[in-house]
């Protein structure tokens, strides 16, 4: 699963249109450079997110809660899969 924005980007790649899976993978690595990121998130990023949420009076709308939850899961999930020590 990916966002609509990311999907549209991927579908715009010539390698996608050509059905060239190997080149498509190379394009994705080139544009996103995920293999070069050794430390994307830090524990302090998660702590800051939680502190900002604590300072909010409330989650006024479901969309705000959903946005917070997505950010939390993205950071926490990434930290759980990496060596954060």
PDB file of N, CA and C in Angstrom:
ATOM      1  N   UNK A   1       0.840  -1.183   0.000  1.00  0.00           N
ATOM      2  CA  UNK A   1       0.000   0.000   0.000  1.00  0.00           C
ATOM      3  C   UNK A   1       0.881   1.241   0.000  1.00  0.00           C
ATOM      4  N   UNK A   2       0.467   2.233  -0.765  1.00  0.00           N
ATOM      5  CA  UNK A   2       1.144   3.529  -0.746  1.00  0.00           C
ATOM      6  C   UNK A   2       0.101   4.617  -0.999  1.00  0.00           C
ATOM      7  N   UNK A   3       0.468   5.841  -0.717  1.00  0.00           N
ATOM      8  CA  UNK A   3      -0.461   6.953  -0.887  1.00  0.00           C
ATOM      9  C   UNK A   3      -0.746   7.188  -2.368  1.00  0.00           C
ATOM     10  N   UNK A   4      -1.804   7.913  -2.629  1.00  0.00           N
ATOM     11  CA  UNK A   4      -2.177   8.229  -4.012  1.00  0.00           C
ATOM     12  C   UNK A   4      -1.066   9.019  -4.692  1.00  0.00           C
ATOM     13  N   UNK A   5      -0.475   9.942  -3.964  1.00  0.00           N
ATOM     14  CA  UNK A   5       0.612  10.770  -4.495  1.00  0.00           C
ATOM     15  C   UNK A   5       1.798   9.902  -4.925  1.00  0.00           C
ATOM     16  N   UNK A   6       2.173   8.953  -4.086  1.00  0.00           N
ATOM     17  CA  UNK A   6       3.291   8.061  -4.402  1.00  0.00           C
ATOM     18  C   UNK A   6       2.919   7.152  -5.566  1.00  0.00           C
ATOM     19  N   UNK A   7       1.696   6.636  -5.556  1.00  0.00           N
ATOM     20  CA  UNK A   7       1.236   5.765  -6.646  1.00  0.00           C
ATOM     21  C   UNK A   7       1.288   6.495  -7.976  1.00  0.00           C
ATOM     22  N   UNK A   8       0.834   7.740  -7.995  1.00  0.00           N
ATOM     23  CA  UNK A   8       0.843   8.513  -9.232  1.00  0.00           C
ATOM     24  C   UNK A   8       2.279   8.766  -9.704  1.00  0.00           C
ATOM     25  N   UNK A   9       3.180   9.016  -8.763  1.00  0.00           N
ATOM     26  CA  UNK A   9       4.590   9.185  -9.113  1.00  0.00           C
ATOM     27  C   UNK A   9       5.129   7.911  -9.755  1.00  0.00           C
ATOM     28  N   UNK A  10       4.864   6.773  -9.116  1.00  0.00           N
ATOM     29  CA  UNK A  10       5.368   5.502  -9.629  1.00  0.00           C
ATOM     30  C   UNK A  10       4.806   5.194 -11.016  1.00  0.00           C
ATOM     31  N   UNK A  11       3.522   5.457 -11.201  1.00  0.00           N
ATOM     32  CA  UNK A  11       2.903   5.192 -12.495  1.00  0.00           C
ATOM     33  C   UNK A  11       3.448   6.116 -13.579  1.00  0.00           C
ATOM     34  N   UNK A  12       4.029   7.232 -13.185  1.00  0.00           N
ATOM     35  CA  UNK A  12       4.610   8.164 -14.138  1.00  0.00           C
ATOM     36  C   UNK A  12       6.014   7.790 -14.598  1.00  0.00           C
ATOM     37  N   UNK A  13       6.623   6.825 -13.945  1.00  0.00           N
ATOM     38  CA  UNK A  13       7.965   6.394 -14.334  1.00  0.00           C
ATOM     39  C   UNK A  13       7.907   5.611 -15.641  1.00  0.00           C
ATOM     40  N   UNK A  14       8.847   5.879 -16.529  1.00  0.00           N
ATOM     41  CA  UNK A  14       8.865   5.178 -17.819  1.00  0.00           C
ATOM     42  C   UNK A  14       9.071   3.679 -17.628  1.00  0.00           C
ATOM     43  N   UNK A  15       9.818   3.299 -16.604  1.00  0.00           N
ATOM     44  CA  UNK A  15      10.042   1.873 -16.344  1.00  0.00           C
ATOM     45  C   UNK A  15       8.744   1.170 -15.963  1.00  0.00           C
ATOM     46  N   UNK A  16       7.857   1.874 -15.275  1.00  0.00           N
ATOM     47  CA  UNK A  16       6.550   1.308 -14.929  1.00  0.00           C
ATOM     48  C   UNK A  16       5.721   1.098 -16.194  1.00  0.00           C
ATOM     49  N   UNK A  17       5.689   2.138 -17.032  1.00  0.00           N
ATOM     50  CA  UNK A  17       4.910   2.065 -18.272  1.00  0.00           C
ATOM     51  C   UNK A  17       5.429   0.958 -19.186  1.00  0.00           C
ATOM     52  N   UNK A  18       6.746   0.741 -19.171  1.00  0.00           N
ATOM     53  CA  UNK A  18       7.351  -0.283 -20.022  1.00  0.00           C
ATOM     54  C   UNK A  18       7.225  -1.684 -19.423  1.00  0.00           C
ATOM     55  N   UNK A  19       6.835  -1.760 -18.159  1.00  0.00           N
ATOM     56  CA  UNK A  19       6.729  -3.060 -17.497  1.00  0.00           C
ATOM     57  C   UNK A  19       8.085  -3.673 -17.170  1.00  0.00           C
ATOM     58  N   UNK A  20       9.106  -2.835 -17.056  1.00  0.00           N
ATOM     59  CA  UNK A  20      10.463  -3.294 -16.759  1.00  0.00           C
ATOM     60  C   UNK A  20      10.668  -3.277 -15.243  1.00  0.00           C
ATOM     61  N   UNK A  21      10.427  -4.425 -14.605  1.00  0.00           N
ATOM     62  CA  UNK A  21      10.456  -4.515 -13.147  1.00  0.00           C
ATOM     63  C   UNK A  21      11.826  -4.151 -12.574  1.00  0.00           C
ATOM     64  N   UNK A  22      12.894  -4.655 -13.163  1.00  0.00           N
ATOM     65  CA  UNK A  22      14.240  -4.385 -12.640  1.00  0.00           C
ATOM     66  C   UNK A  22      14.554  -2.889 -12.708  1.00  0.00           C
ATOM     67  N   UNK A  23      14.239  -2.270 -13.828  1.00  0.00           N
ATOM     68  CA  UNK A  23      14.495  -0.836 -13.973  1.00  0.00           C
ATOM     69  C   UNK A  23      13.588  -0.026 -13.045  1.00  0.00           C
ATOM     70  N   UNK A  24      12.349  -0.491 -12.868  1.00  0.00           N
ATOM     71  CA  UNK A  24      11.414   0.171 -11.960  1.00  0.00           C
ATOM     72  C   UNK A  24      11.979   0.179 -10.538  1.00  0.00           C
ATOM     73  N   UNK A  25      12.492  -0.961 -10.089  1.00  0.00           N
ATOM     74  CA  UNK A  25      13.102  -1.044  -8.753  1.00  0.00           C
ATOM     75  C   UNK A  25      14.295  -0.101  -8.643  1.00  0.00           C
ATOM     76  N   UNK A  26      15.118  -0.054  -9.674  1.00  0.00           N
ATOM     77  CA  UNK A  26      16.261   0.867  -9.673  1.00  0.00           C
ATOM     78  C   UNK A  26      15.798   2.317  -9.587  1.00  0.00           C
ATOM     79  N   UNK A  27      14.740   2.650 -10.319  1.00  0.00           N
ATOM     80  CA  UNK A  27      14.204   4.010 -10.277  1.00  0.00           C
ATOM     81  C   UNK A  27      13.737   4.375  -8.872  1.00  0.00           C
ATOM     82  N   UNK A  28      13.030   3.454  -8.233  1.00  0.00           N
ATOM     83  CA  UNK A  28      12.524   3.709  -6.878  1.00  0.00           C
ATOM     84  C   UNK A  28      13.696   3.952  -5.928  1.00  0.00           C
ATOM     85  N   UNK A  29      14.719   3.106  -5.975  1.00  0.00           N
ATOM     86  CA  UNK A  29      15.886   3.284  -5.112  1.00  0.00           C
ATOM     87  C   UNK A  29      16.573   4.614  -5.397  1.00  0.00           C
ATOM     88  N   UNK A  30      16.629   4.978  -6.663  1.00  0.00           N
ATOM     89  CA  UNK A  30      17.290   6.221  -7.051  1.00  0.00           C
ATOM     90  C   UNK A  30      16.550   7.437  -6.498  1.00  0.00           C
ATOM     91  N   UNK A  31      15.228   7.443  -6.652  1.00  0.00           N
ATOM     92  CA  UNK A  31      14.450   8.603  -6.225  1.00  0.00           C
ATOM     93  C   UNK A  31      14.295   8.689  -4.713  1.00  0.00           C
ATOM     94  N   UNK A  32      14.142   7.562  -4.060  1.00  0.00           N
ATOM     95  CA  UNK A  32      13.888   7.580  -2.618  1.00  0.00           C
ATOM     96  C   UNK A  32      15.136   7.368  -1.777  1.00  0.00           C
ATOM     97  N   UNK A  33      16.175   6.821  -2.339  1.00  0.00           N
ATOM     98  CA  UNK A  33      17.451   6.631  -1.660  1.00  0.00           C
ATOM     99  C   UNK A  33      17.297   5.985  -0.280  1.00  0.00           C
ATOM    100  N   UNK A  34      16.361   5.050  -0.187  1.00  0.00           N
ATOM    101  CA  UNK A  34      16.102   4.397   1.096  1.00  0.00           C
ATOM    102  C   UNK A  34      17.309   3.610   1.585  1.00  0.00           C
ATOM    103  N   UNK A  35      18.102   3.097   0.651  1.00  0.00           N
ATOM    104  CA  UNK A  35      19.253   2.304   1.065  1.00  0.00           C
ATOM    105  C   UNK A  35      20.366   3.169   1.651  1.00  0.00           C
ATOM    106  N   UNK A  36      20.313   4.475   1.460  1.00  0.00           N
ATOM    107  CA  UNK A  36      21.344   5.360   1.989  1.00  0.00           C
ATOM    108  C   UNK A  36      20.974   5.932   3.352  1.00  0.00           C
ATOM    109  N   UNK A  37      19.770   5.703   3.796  1.00  0.00           N
ATOM    110  CA  UNK A  37      19.331   6.221   5.092  1.00  0.00           C
ATOM    111  C   UNK A  37      19.661   5.212   6.183  1.00  0.00           C
ATOM    112  N   UNK A  38      20.646   5.489   6.984  1.00  0.00           N
ATOM    113  CA  UNK A  38      20.983   4.568   8.060  1.00  0.00           C
ATOM    114  C   UNK A  38      20.248   4.934   9.351  1.00  0.00           C
ATOM    115  N   UNK A  39      19.870   6.181   9.495  1.00  0.00           N
ATOM    116  CA  UNK A  39      19.192   6.621  10.709  1.00  0.00           C
ATOM    117  C   UNK A  39      18.130   7.631  10.321  1.00  0.00           C
ATOM    118  N   UNK A  40      16.955   7.162   9.981  1.00  0.00           N
ATOM    119  CA  UNK A  40      15.895   8.034   9.502  1.00  0.00           C
ATOM    120  C   UNK A  40      15.174   8.714  10.656  1.00  0.00           C
ATOM    121  N   UNK A  41      14.784   7.950  11.659  1.00  0.00           N
ATOM    122  CA  UNK A  41      14.110   8.499  12.834  1.00  0.00           C
ATOM    123  C   UNK A  41      14.950   8.233  14.074  1.00  0.00           C
ATOM    124  N   UNK A  42      14.764   9.098  15.054  1.00  0.00           N
ATOM    125  CA  UNK A  42      15.414   8.931  16.349  1.00  0.00           C
ATOM    126  C   UNK A  42      14.323   8.805  17.414  1.00  0.00           C
ATOM    127  N   UNK A  43      14.679   8.257  18.547  1.00  0.00           N
ATOM    128  CA  UNK A  43      13.731   8.134  19.652  1.00  0.00           C
ATOM    129  C   UNK A  43      13.211   9.518  20.032  1.00  0.00           C
ATOM    130  N   UNK A  44      14.061  10.519  19.956  1.00  0.00           N
ATOM    131  CA  UNK A  44      13.639  11.883  20.300  1.00  0.00           C
ATOM    132  C   UNK A  44      12.533  12.386  19.361  1.00  0.00           C
ATOM    133  N   UNK A  45      12.501  11.900  18.126  1.00  0.00           N
ATOM    134  CA  UNK A  45      11.421  12.284  17.212  1.00  0.00           C
ATOM    135  C   UNK A  45      10.076  11.797  17.740  1.00  0.00           C
ATOM    136  N   UNK A  46      10.056  10.570  18.248  1.00  0.00           N
ATOM    137  CA  UNK A  46       8.822  10.016  18.808  1.00  0.00           C
ATOM    138  C   UNK A  46       8.445  10.743  20.096  1.00  0.00           C
ATOM    139  N   UNK A  47       9.432  11.020  20.938  1.00  0.00           N
ATOM    140  CA  UNK A  47       9.167  11.749  22.179  1.00  0.00           C
ATOM    141  C   UNK A  47       8.594  13.136  21.889  1.00  0.00           C
ATOM    142  N   UNK A  48       9.143  13.822  20.905  1.00  0.00           N
ATOM    143  CA  UNK A  48       8.637  15.156  20.544  1.00  0.00           C
ATOM    144  C   UNK A  48       7.212  15.093  20.020  1.00  0.00           C
ATOM    145  N   UNK A  49       6.908  14.091  19.228  1.00  0.00           N
ATOM    146  CA  UNK A  49       5.548  13.929  18.714  1.00  0.00           C
ATOM    147  C   UNK A  49       4.556  13.737  19.861  1.00  0.00           C
ATOM    148  N   UNK A  50       4.912  12.884  20.821  1.00  0.00           N
ATOM    149  CA  UNK A  50       4.035  12.618  21.966  1.00  0.00           C
ATOM    150  C   UNK A  50       3.878  13.872  22.825  1.00  0.00           C
ATOM    151  N   UNK A  51       4.954  14.611  23.046  1.00  0.00           N
ATOM    152  CA  UNK A  51       4.873  15.844  23.845  1.00  0.00           C
ATOM    153  C   UNK A  51       3.968  16.876  23.181  1.00  0.00           C
ATOM    154  N   UNK A  52       4.086  17.005  21.864  1.00  0.00           N
ATOM    155  CA  UNK A  52       3.210  17.948  21.153  1.00  0.00           C
ATOM    156  C   UNK A  52       1.750  17.523  21.291  1.00  0.00           C
ATOM    157  N   UNK A  53       1.496  16.230  21.260  1.00  0.00           N
ATOM    158  CA  UNK A  53       0.125  15.734  21.399  1.00  0.00           C
ATOM    159  C   UNK A  53      -0.388  15.972  22.816  1.00  0.00           C
ATOM    160  N   UNK A  54       0.473  15.824  23.807  1.00  0.00           N
ATOM    161  CA  UNK A  54       0.074  16.069  25.196  1.00  0.00           C
ATOM    162  C   UNK A  54      -0.318  17.524  25.405  1.00  0.00           C
ATOM    163  N   UNK A  55       0.335  18.422  24.699  1.00  0.00           N
ATOM    164  CA  UNK A  55       0.056  19.848  24.843  1.00  0.00           C
ATOM    165  C   UNK A  55      -1.232  20.278  24.150  1.00  0.00           C
ATOM    166  N   UNK A  56      -1.746  19.426  23.295  1.00  0.00           N
ATOM    167  CA  UNK A  56      -3.020  19.751  22.642  1.00  0.00           C
ATOM    168  C   UNK A  56      -4.141  19.544  23.653  1.00  0.00           C
ATOM    169  N   UNK A  57      -5.127  20.401  23.631  1.00  0.00           N
ATOM    170  CA  UNK A  57      -6.255  20.257  24.554  1.00  0.00           C
ATOM    171  C   UNK A  57      -6.990  18.948  24.290  1.00  0.00           C
ATOM    172  N   UNK A  58      -7.237  18.681  23.043  1.00  0.00           N
ATOM    173  CA  UNK A  58      -7.873  17.420  22.652  1.00  0.00           C
ATOM    174  C   UNK A  58      -7.696  17.237  21.152  1.00  0.00           C
ATOM    175  N   UNK A  59      -7.969  16.049  20.722  1.00  0.00           N
ATOM    176  CA  UNK A  59      -8.006  15.809  19.283  1.00  0.00           C
ATOM    177  C   UNK A  59      -9.406  16.213  18.836  1.00  0.00           C
ATOM    178  N   UNK A  60      -9.511  17.408  18.290  1.00  0.00           N
ATOM    179  CA  UNK A  60     -10.805  18.006  17.986  1.00  0.00           C
ATOM    180  C   UNK A  60     -11.596  17.262  16.916  1.00  0.00           C
ATOM    181  N   UNK A  61     -10.910  16.524  16.106  1.00  0.00           N
ATOM    182  CA  UNK A  61     -11.599  15.825  15.029  1.00  0.00           C
ATOM    183  C   UNK A  61     -10.923  14.478  14.791  1.00  0.00           C
ATOM    184  N   UNK A  62     -11.675  13.565  14.244  1.00  0.00           N
ATOM    185  CA  UNK A  62     -11.137  12.247  13.941  1.00  0.00           C
ATOM    186  C   UNK A  62      -9.949  12.349  12.986  1.00  0.00           C
ATOM    187  N   UNK A  63      -9.989  13.305  12.074  1.00  0.00           N
ATOM    188  CA  UNK A  63      -8.892  13.461  11.116  1.00  0.00           C
ATOM    189  C   UNK A  63      -7.586  13.829  11.818  1.00  0.00           C
ATOM    190  N   UNK A  64      -7.664  14.611  12.897  1.00  0.00           N
ATOM    191  CA  UNK A  64      -6.465  14.983  13.657  1.00  0.00           C
ATOM    192  C   UNK A  64      -5.904  13.758  14.371  1.00  0.00           C
ATOM    193  N   UNK A  65      -6.796  12.967  14.971  1.00  0.00           N
ATOM    194  CA  UNK A  65      -6.371  11.736  15.636  1.00  0.00           C
ATOM    195  C   UNK A  65      -5.745  10.779  14.626  1.00  0.00           C
ATOM    196  N   UNK A  66      -6.348  10.653  13.464  1.00  0.00           N
ATOM    197  CA  UNK A  66      -5.846   9.757  12.425  1.00  0.00           C
ATOM    198  C   UNK A  66      -4.448  10.198  11.968  1.00  0.00           C
ATOM    199  N   UNK A  67      -4.265  11.493  11.785  1.00  0.00           N
ATOM    200  CA  UNK A  67      -2.960  12.020  11.366  1.00  0.00           C
ATOM    201  C   UNK A  67      -1.895  11.734  12.426  1.00  0.00           C
ATOM    202  N   UNK A  68      -2.249  11.968  13.703  1.00  0.00           N
ATOM    203  CA  UNK A  68      -1.319  11.687  14.793  1.00  0.00           C
ATOM    204  C   UNK A  68      -0.973  10.199  14.832  1.00  0.00           C
ATOM    205  N   UNK A  69      -1.983   9.349  14.735  1.00  0.00           N
ATOM    206  CA  UNK A  69      -1.766   7.899  14.790  1.00  0.00           C
ATOM    207  C   UNK A  69      -0.849   7.429  13.672  1.00  0.00           C
ATOM    208  N   UNK A  70      -1.044   7.966  12.478  1.00  0.00           N
ATOM    209  CA  UNK A  70      -0.204   7.583  11.344  1.00  0.00           C
ATOM    210  C   UNK A  70       1.245   8.007  11.570  1.00  0.00           C
ATOM    211  N   UNK A  71       1.441   9.215  12.077  1.00  0.00           N
ATOM    212  CA  UNK A  71       2.806   9.682  12.360  1.00  0.00           C
ATOM    213  C   UNK A  71       3.453   8.814  13.439  1.00  0.00           C
ATOM    214  N   UNK A  72       2.675   8.528  14.497  1.00  0.00           N
ATOM    215  CA  UNK A  72       3.198   7.721  15.592  1.00  0.00           C
ATOM    216  C   UNK A  72       3.611   6.342  15.097  1.00  0.00           C
ATOM    217  N   UNK A  73       2.732   5.691  14.339  1.00  0.00           N
ATOM    218  CA  UNK A  73       3.020   4.345  13.849  1.00  0.00           C
ATOM    219  C   UNK A  73       4.204   4.340  12.882  1.00  0.00           C
ATOM    220  N   UNK A  74       4.309   5.368  12.055  1.00  0.00           N
ATOM    221  CA  UNK A  74       5.424   5.440  11.108  1.00  0.00           C
ATOM    222  C   UNK A  74       6.759   5.518  11.858  1.00  0.00           C
ATOM    223  N   UNK A  75       6.832   6.396  12.855  1.00  0.00           N
ATOM    224  CA  UNK A  75       8.084   6.570  13.597  1.00  0.00           C
ATOM    225  C   UNK A  75       8.349   5.368  14.499  1.00  0.00           C
ATOM    226  N   UNK A  76       7.353   4.973  15.294  1.00  0.00           N
ATOM    227  CA  UNK A  76       7.541   3.865  16.231  1.00  0.00           C
ATOM    228  C   UNK A  76       7.829   2.565  15.489  1.00  0.00           C
ATOM    229  N   UNK A  77       7.107   2.321  14.415  1.00  0.00           N
ATOM    230  CA  UNK A  77       7.331   1.104  13.636  1.00  0.00           C
ATOM    231  C   UNK A  77       8.730   1.052  13.059  1.00  0.00           C
ATOM    232  N   UNK A  78       9.191   2.190  12.554  1.00  0.00           N
ATOM    233  CA  UNK A  78      10.545   2.236  11.996  1.00  0.00           C
ATOM    234  C   UNK A  78      11.574   1.983  13.088  1.00  0.00           C
ATOM    235  N   UNK A  79      11.380   2.608  14.243  1.00  0.00           N
ATOM    236  CA  UNK A  79      12.328   2.429  15.344  1.00  0.00           C
ATOM    237  C   UNK A  79      12.362   0.979  15.820  1.00  0.00           C
ATOM    238  N   UNK A  80      11.210   0.317  15.831  1.00  0.00           N
ATOM    239  CA  UNK A  80      11.159  -1.076  16.272  1.00  0.00           C
ATOM    240  C   UNK A  80      11.915  -2.009  15.330  1.00  0.00           C
ATOM    241  N   UNK A  81      11.969  -1.653  14.064  1.00  0.00           N
ATOM    242  CA  UNK A  81      12.654  -2.523  13.100  1.00  0.00           C
ATOM    243  C   UNK A  81      14.143  -2.239  12.994  1.00  0.00           C
ATOM    244  N   UNK A  82      14.608  -1.174  13.622  1.00  0.00           N
ATOM    245  CA  UNK A  82      16.026  -0.794  13.552  1.00  0.00           C
ATOM    246  C   UNK A  82      16.672  -0.898  14.922  1.00  0.00           C
ATOM    247  N   UNK A  83      17.965  -0.964  14.934  1.00  0.00           N
ATOM    248  CA  UNK A  83      18.713  -0.959  16.194  1.00  0.00           C
ATOM    249  C   UNK A  83      18.816   0.485  16.654  1.00  0.00           C
ATOM    250  N   UNK A  84      18.052   0.853  17.673  1.00  0.00           N
ATOM    251  CA  UNK A  84      18.006   2.242  18.136  1.00  0.00           C
ATOM    252  C   UNK A  84      18.888   2.485  19.351  1.00  0.00           C
ATOM    253  N   UNK A  85      19.718   1.527  19.692  1.00  0.00           N
ATOM    254  CA  UNK A  85      20.569   1.709  20.875  1.00  0.00           C
ATOM    255  C   UNK A  85      21.806   2.502  20.560  1.00  0.00           C
TER     256      UNK A  85
END
